[in-house]
Amino acid sequence: MPESSASKPGQVINMHEAKTRLSQLGEMAWRGERVIISRAGKPYLKLVPYRERRTRKPGRYKDEVNQSDTAFGDSADGTDDDIVELFEGGK
């Protein structure tokens, strides 16, 4: 029995074969193997596993990141006077 194109890493699998072997291709993708599905001989889809995203916790680095009041310029609000002048057209 000839070896299927899906069993070779990095191989492109045609749409018909992908439909008949979706479960196996899903397992391959989950293991980290590259699964590309082609249509009319051209790469069409990349099968990748779904991974839960961690929820971002705002304020995670509070009190760990510090910057001086003049880190971004020499004005009281932290804006560089030369940049303000460029935007305002030199009052």
C-alpha atoms as a PDB file:
ATOM      1  CA  MET A   1       0.000   0.000   0.000  1.00  0.00           C
ATOM      2  CA  PRO A   2       1.530   3.387  -0.988  1.00  0.00           C
ATOM      3  CA  GLU A   3       2.284   5.875   1.759  1.00  0.00           C
ATOM      4  CA  SER A   4      -0.192   8.749   1.930  1.00  0.00           C
ATOM      5  CA  SER A   5       1.023  12.285   1.318  1.00  0.00           C
ATOM      6  CA  ALA A   6      -0.425  13.323   4.703  1.00  0.00           C
ATOM      7  CA  SER A   7       2.046  11.159   6.628  1.00  0.00           C
ATOM      8  CA  LYS A   8       5.067  13.099   5.370  1.00  0.00           C
ATOM      9  CA  PRO A   9       5.884  16.251   7.367  1.00  0.00           C
ATOM     10  CA  GLY A  10       5.559  19.406   5.341  1.00  0.00           C
ATOM     11  CA  GLN A  11       3.562  17.748   2.584  1.00  0.00           C
ATOM     12  CA  VAL A  12       0.617  19.531   0.998  1.00  0.00           C
ATOM     13  CA  ILE A  13      -2.623  17.513   1.197  1.00  0.00           C
ATOM     14  CA  ASN A  14      -5.343  17.948  -1.401  1.00  0.00           C
ATOM     15  CA  MET A  15      -8.846  18.990  -0.360  1.00  0.00           C
ATOM     16  CA  HIS A  16     -10.444  15.601  -1.124  1.00  0.00           C
ATOM     17  CA  GLU A  17      -7.921  13.712   1.011  1.00  0.00           C
ATOM     18  CA  ALA A  18      -8.299  16.283   3.797  1.00  0.00           C
ATOM     19  CA  LYS A  19     -12.080  15.759   3.860  1.00  0.00           C
ATOM     20  CA  THR A  20     -11.692  12.010   4.238  1.00  0.00           C
ATOM     21  CA  ARG A  21      -8.930  12.218   6.878  1.00  0.00           C
ATOM     22  CA  LEU A  22      -9.856  15.330   8.886  1.00  0.00           C
ATOM     23  CA  SER A  23      -9.580  13.648  12.302  1.00  0.00           C
ATOM     24  CA  GLN A  24      -6.101  12.335  11.557  1.00  0.00           C
ATOM     25  CA  LEU A  25      -4.980  15.684  10.146  1.00  0.00           C
ATOM     26  CA  GLY A  26      -6.335  17.429  13.239  1.00  0.00           C
ATOM     27  CA  GLU A  27      -4.253  15.142  15.454  1.00  0.00           C
ATOM     28  CA  MET A  28      -1.183  15.836  13.329  1.00  0.00           C
ATOM     29  CA  ALA A  29      -1.704  19.585  13.670  1.00  0.00           C
ATOM     30  CA  TRP A  30      -2.230  19.235  17.431  1.00  0.00           C
ATOM     31  CA  ARG A  31       1.131  17.427  17.708  1.00  0.00           C
ATOM     32  CA  GLY A  32       2.768  20.400  16.005  1.00  0.00           C
ATOM     33  CA  GLU A  33       3.145  18.970  12.518  1.00  0.00           C
ATOM     34  CA  ARG A  34       2.621  21.332   9.592  1.00  0.00           C
ATOM     35  CA  VAL A  35      -0.646  20.569   7.784  1.00  0.00           C
ATOM     36  CA  ILE A  36      -1.319  22.454   4.545  1.00  0.00           C
ATOM     37  CA  ILE A  37      -4.451  21.756   2.505  1.00  0.00           C
ATOM     38  CA  SER A  38      -4.360  22.550  -1.198  1.00  0.00           C
ATOM     39  CA  ARG A  39      -7.061  23.387  -3.694  1.00  0.00           C
ATOM     40  CA  ALA A  40      -6.419  23.037  -7.417  1.00  0.00           C
ATOM     41  CA  GLY A  41      -2.794  22.204  -6.631  1.00  0.00           C
ATOM     42  CA  LYS A  42      -2.109  25.433  -4.722  1.00  0.00           C
ATOM     43  CA  PRO A  43      -1.829  25.911  -0.929  1.00  0.00           C
ATOM     44  CA  TYR A  44      -5.242  26.995   0.321  1.00  0.00           C
ATOM     45  CA  LEU A  45      -5.491  26.413   4.100  1.00  0.00           C
ATOM     46  CA  LYS A  46      -3.167  25.856   7.032  1.00  0.00           C
ATOM     47  CA  LEU A  47      -4.592  23.644   9.752  1.00  0.00           C
ATOM     48  CA  VAL A  48      -3.498  24.841  13.192  1.00  0.00           C
ATOM     49  CA  PRO A  49      -4.647  23.773  16.666  1.00  0.00           C
ATOM     50  CA  TYR A  50      -6.878  26.014  18.734  1.00  0.00           C
ATOM     51  CA  ARG A  51      -5.163  27.218  21.888  1.00  0.00           C
ATOM     52  CA  GLU A  52      -6.945  29.029  24.730  1.00  0.00           C
ATOM     53  CA  ARG A  53      -5.617  32.517  25.155  1.00  0.00           C
ATOM     54  CA  ARG A  54      -4.838  33.663  28.641  1.00  0.00           C
ATOM     55  CA  THR A  55      -6.877  36.596  29.807  1.00  0.00           C
ATOM     56  CA  ARG A  56      -4.836  39.725  30.126  1.00  0.00           C
ATOM     57  CA  LYS A  57      -4.707  41.093  33.644  1.00  0.00           C
ATOM     58  CA  PRO A  58      -4.438  44.918  33.587  1.00  0.00           C
ATOM     59  CA  GLY A  59      -2.010  46.380  36.073  1.00  0.00           C
ATOM     60  CA  ARG A  60       0.108  43.264  36.195  1.00  0.00           C
ATOM     61  CA  TYR A  61       3.347  45.289  36.287  1.00  0.00           C
ATOM     62  CA  LYS A  62       2.042  48.105  38.471  1.00  0.00           C
ATOM     63  CA  ASP A  63       4.784  49.489  40.701  1.00  0.00           C
ATOM     64  CA  GLU A  64       7.400  47.496  38.739  1.00  0.00           C
ATOM     65  CA  VAL A  65       7.868  49.921  35.828  1.00  0.00           C
ATOM     66  CA  ASN A  66       9.079  53.406  36.645  1.00  0.00           C
ATOM     67  CA  GLN A  67       9.798  56.444  34.500  1.00  0.00           C
ATOM     68  CA  SER A  68      10.848  59.927  35.396  1.00  0.00           C
ATOM     69  CA  ASP A  69       8.481  62.862  34.871  1.00  0.00           C
ATOM     70  CA  THR A  70      10.715  64.175  32.090  1.00  0.00           C
ATOM     71  CA  ALA A  71      11.283  60.862  30.318  1.00  0.00           C
ATOM     72  CA  PHE A  72       9.559  62.054  27.159  1.00  0.00           C
ATOM     73  CA  GLY A  73      10.482  65.696  27.038  1.00  0.00           C
ATOM     74  CA  ASP A  74      11.083  68.793  29.023  1.00  0.00           C
ATOM     75  CA  SER A  75       7.563  70.225  29.384  1.00  0.00           C
ATOM     76  CA  ALA A  76       5.471  69.782  32.516  1.00  0.00           C
ATOM     77  CA  ASP A  77       3.166  67.352  30.676  1.00  0.00           C
ATOM     78  CA  GLY A  78       6.118  65.332  29.343  1.00  0.00           C
ATOM     79  CA  THR A  79       5.900  66.654  25.774  1.00  0.00           C
ATOM     80  CA  ASP A  80       9.066  67.870  24.084  1.00  0.00           C
ATOM     81  CA  ASP A  81       8.689  71.598  23.288  1.00  0.00           C
ATOM     82  CA  ASP A  82      10.255  71.147  19.820  1.00  0.00           C
ATOM     83  CA  ILE A  83       7.665  68.519  18.905  1.00  0.00           C
ATOM     84  CA  VAL A  84       4.791  70.661  20.160  1.00  0.00           C
ATOM     85  CA  GLU A  85       6.086  73.526  18.043  1.00  0.00           C
ATOM     86  CA  LEU A  86       6.170  71.302  14.943  1.00  0.00           C
ATOM     87  CA  PHE A  87       2.528  70.308  15.449  1.00  0.00           C
ATOM     88  CA  GLU A  88       1.256  73.735  16.375  1.00  0.00           C
ATOM     89  CA  GLY A  89       3.180  75.555  13.680  1.00  0.00           C
ATOM     90  CA  GLY A  90       5.306  77.725  15.946  1.00  0.00           C
ATOM     91  CA  LYS A  91       2.939  80.132  17.637  1.00  0.00           C
END
